[in-house]
Amino acid sequence: MKTQKSARLTVAEEKALHEERPDVAEWQLRLYVAGQTAKAIAAFDNLKRVCETHLAGRYSIEVVDLLLNPRLAAGDQILAVPTLVRKFPEPIRKIIGDLSNEERVLVGLDVHPRQ
């Protein structure tokens, strides 16, 4: 699981970037964790599996480790970890937990399951 520091974009900037660059992922997801705990790793693995199954080739996942960057929690109002935030498409949606319940993740992200 790779963590990265993130630059903040406004909603308008994110929309403009998506419109200007079609190679930008259709689904932009951010997973907040606190270290590389078993729960954080499980959440990432579960998210990756769901995305590969239902959003193959149309998503990006950014992992934000709040132990390394605690200030980043305020921007998305993160109160618990792991928390998944759907940044794009709008509206922003959040799911708290290890993402092990695929149906709950799909409903939370408003993703229609692939048949």
Protein backbone atom coordinates (compact mmCIF):
# COMPACT_ATOMS: atom_id res chain seq x y z
CA MET A 1 0.00 0.00 0.00
CA LYS A 2 1.57 3.24 -1.12
CA THR A 3 0.74 6.54 0.54
CA GLN A 4 1.17 9.90 -1.05
CA LYS A 5 0.91 13.54 -0.14
CA SER A 6 -1.94 15.29 -1.87
CA ALA A 7 -2.35 18.82 -3.18
CA ARG A 8 -5.81 20.25 -2.58
CA LEU A 9 -7.93 21.16 -5.60
CA THR A 10 -11.13 23.13 -5.51
CA VAL A 11 -14.28 21.52 -6.89
CA ALA A 12 -14.08 23.78 -9.94
CA GLU A 13 -10.43 22.81 -10.53
CA GLU A 14 -11.27 19.10 -10.27
CA LYS A 15 -14.12 19.50 -12.78
CA ALA A 16 -11.90 21.47 -15.16
CA LEU A 17 -9.12 18.91 -14.91
CA HIS A 18 -11.55 16.09 -15.63
CA GLU A 19 -12.99 17.92 -18.67
CA GLU A 20 -9.56 18.92 -20.05
CA ARG A 21 -7.90 15.54 -19.59
CA PRO A 22 -10.01 12.55 -20.56
CA ASP A 23 -7.26 10.27 -19.21
CA VAL A 24 -8.12 11.39 -15.67
CA ALA A 25 -10.00 8.62 -13.91
CA GLU A 26 -13.78 8.75 -14.02
CA TRP A 27 -13.93 7.70 -10.33
CA GLN A 28 -11.55 9.47 -7.95
CA LEU A 29 -11.39 7.79 -4.56
CA ARG A 30 -9.41 8.73 -1.46
CA LEU A 31 -8.85 6.24 1.34
CA TYR A 32 -7.87 7.69 4.73
CA VAL A 33 -5.96 5.35 7.04
CA ALA A 34 -3.85 5.67 10.20
CA GLY A 35 -0.71 3.66 9.53
CA GLN A 36 -0.41 0.30 7.86
CA THR A 37 -2.59 -1.61 10.27
CA ALA A 38 -4.38 -4.85 9.42
CA LYS A 39 -7.65 -2.91 9.12
CA ALA A 40 -6.10 -0.33 6.78
CA ILE A 41 -4.57 -3.01 4.57
CA ALA A 42 -7.86 -4.94 4.50
CA ALA A 43 -9.75 -1.77 3.52
CA PHE A 44 -7.32 -1.10 0.66
CA ASP A 45 -7.44 -4.70 -0.56
CA ASN A 46 -11.25 -4.77 -0.39
CA LEU A 47 -11.52 -1.44 -2.21
CA LYS A 48 -9.09 -2.56 -4.92
CA ARG A 49 -11.09 -5.77 -5.45
CA VAL A 50 -14.41 -3.90 -5.74
CA CYS A 51 -12.91 -1.35 -8.13
CA GLU A 52 -11.31 -3.97 -10.35
CA THR A 53 -14.60 -5.86 -10.50
CA HIS A 54 -16.98 -2.95 -11.09
CA LEU A 55 -14.90 0.05 -12.26
CA ALA A 56 -12.03 -1.60 -14.13
CA GLY A 57 -9.87 1.02 -15.83
CA ARG A 58 -12.08 3.89 -14.69
CA TYR A 59 -10.81 4.70 -11.20
CA SER A 60 -7.92 6.07 -9.18
CA ILE A 61 -7.26 5.47 -5.50
CA GLU A 62 -5.26 7.86 -3.35
CA VAL A 63 -4.26 6.57 0.07
CA VAL A 64 -3.75 9.23 2.74
CA ASP A 65 -1.99 8.10 5.91
CA LEU A 66 -3.12 10.45 8.68
CA LEU A 67 -0.14 9.47 10.84
CA LEU A 68 2.06 11.12 8.21
CA ASN A 69 -0.31 13.99 7.31
CA PRO A 70 -2.81 14.57 10.15
CA ARG A 71 -3.90 17.97 8.81
CA LEU A 72 -5.40 16.33 5.73
CA ALA A 73 -8.22 14.90 7.88
CA ALA A 74 -9.81 18.33 8.28
CA GLY A 75 -10.39 18.90 4.55
CA ASP A 76 -12.74 15.94 4.19
CA GLN A 77 -13.90 16.03 7.83
CA ILE A 78 -12.51 12.61 8.68
CA LEU A 79 -13.54 11.43 12.16
CA ALA A 80 -12.71 7.71 11.93
CA VAL A 81 -10.39 5.50 9.92
CA PRO A 82 -10.38 3.82 7.56
CA THR A 83 -12.69 6.15 5.65
CA LEU A 84 -13.25 6.10 1.90
CA VAL A 85 -14.20 9.37 0.20
CA ARG A 86 -15.58 9.49 -3.32
CA LYS A 87 -14.23 12.80 -4.63
CA PHE A 88 -15.47 12.45 -8.19
CA PRO A 89 -18.08 12.07 -9.55
CA GLU A 90 -19.95 14.42 -7.31
CA PRO A 91 -21.58 14.52 -4.85
CA ILE A 92 -18.86 13.57 -2.39
CA ARG A 93 -19.70 10.38 -0.50
CA LYS A 94 -18.04 8.71 2.49
CA ILE A 95 -17.88 5.15 3.76
CA ILE A 96 -16.32 4.25 7.11
CA GLY A 97 -14.91 0.79 7.82
CA ASP A 98 -12.86 -1.97 6.25
CA LEU A 99 -15.03 -2.07 3.09
CA SER A 100 -15.54 -5.83 3.41
CA ASN A 101 -19.26 -5.66 2.57
CA GLU A 102 -19.20 -5.29 -1.22
CA GLU A 103 -22.90 -4.49 -1.51
CA ARG A 104 -22.59 -1.71 1.09
CA VAL A 105 -19.57 -0.27 -0.74
CA LEU A 106 -21.38 -0.30 -4.08
CA VAL A 107 -24.45 1.39 -2.58
CA GLY A 108 -22.28 3.89 -0.69
CA LEU A 109 -20.37 4.84 -3.82
CA ASP A 110 -23.52 4.70 -5.99
CA VAL A 111 -21.87 2.19 -8.35
CA HIS A 112 -24.09 -0.12 -10.34
CA PRO A 113 -22.73 -3.68 -10.15
CA ARG A 114 -21.35 -5.25 -13.30
CA GLN A 115 -23.28 -8.30 -14.37
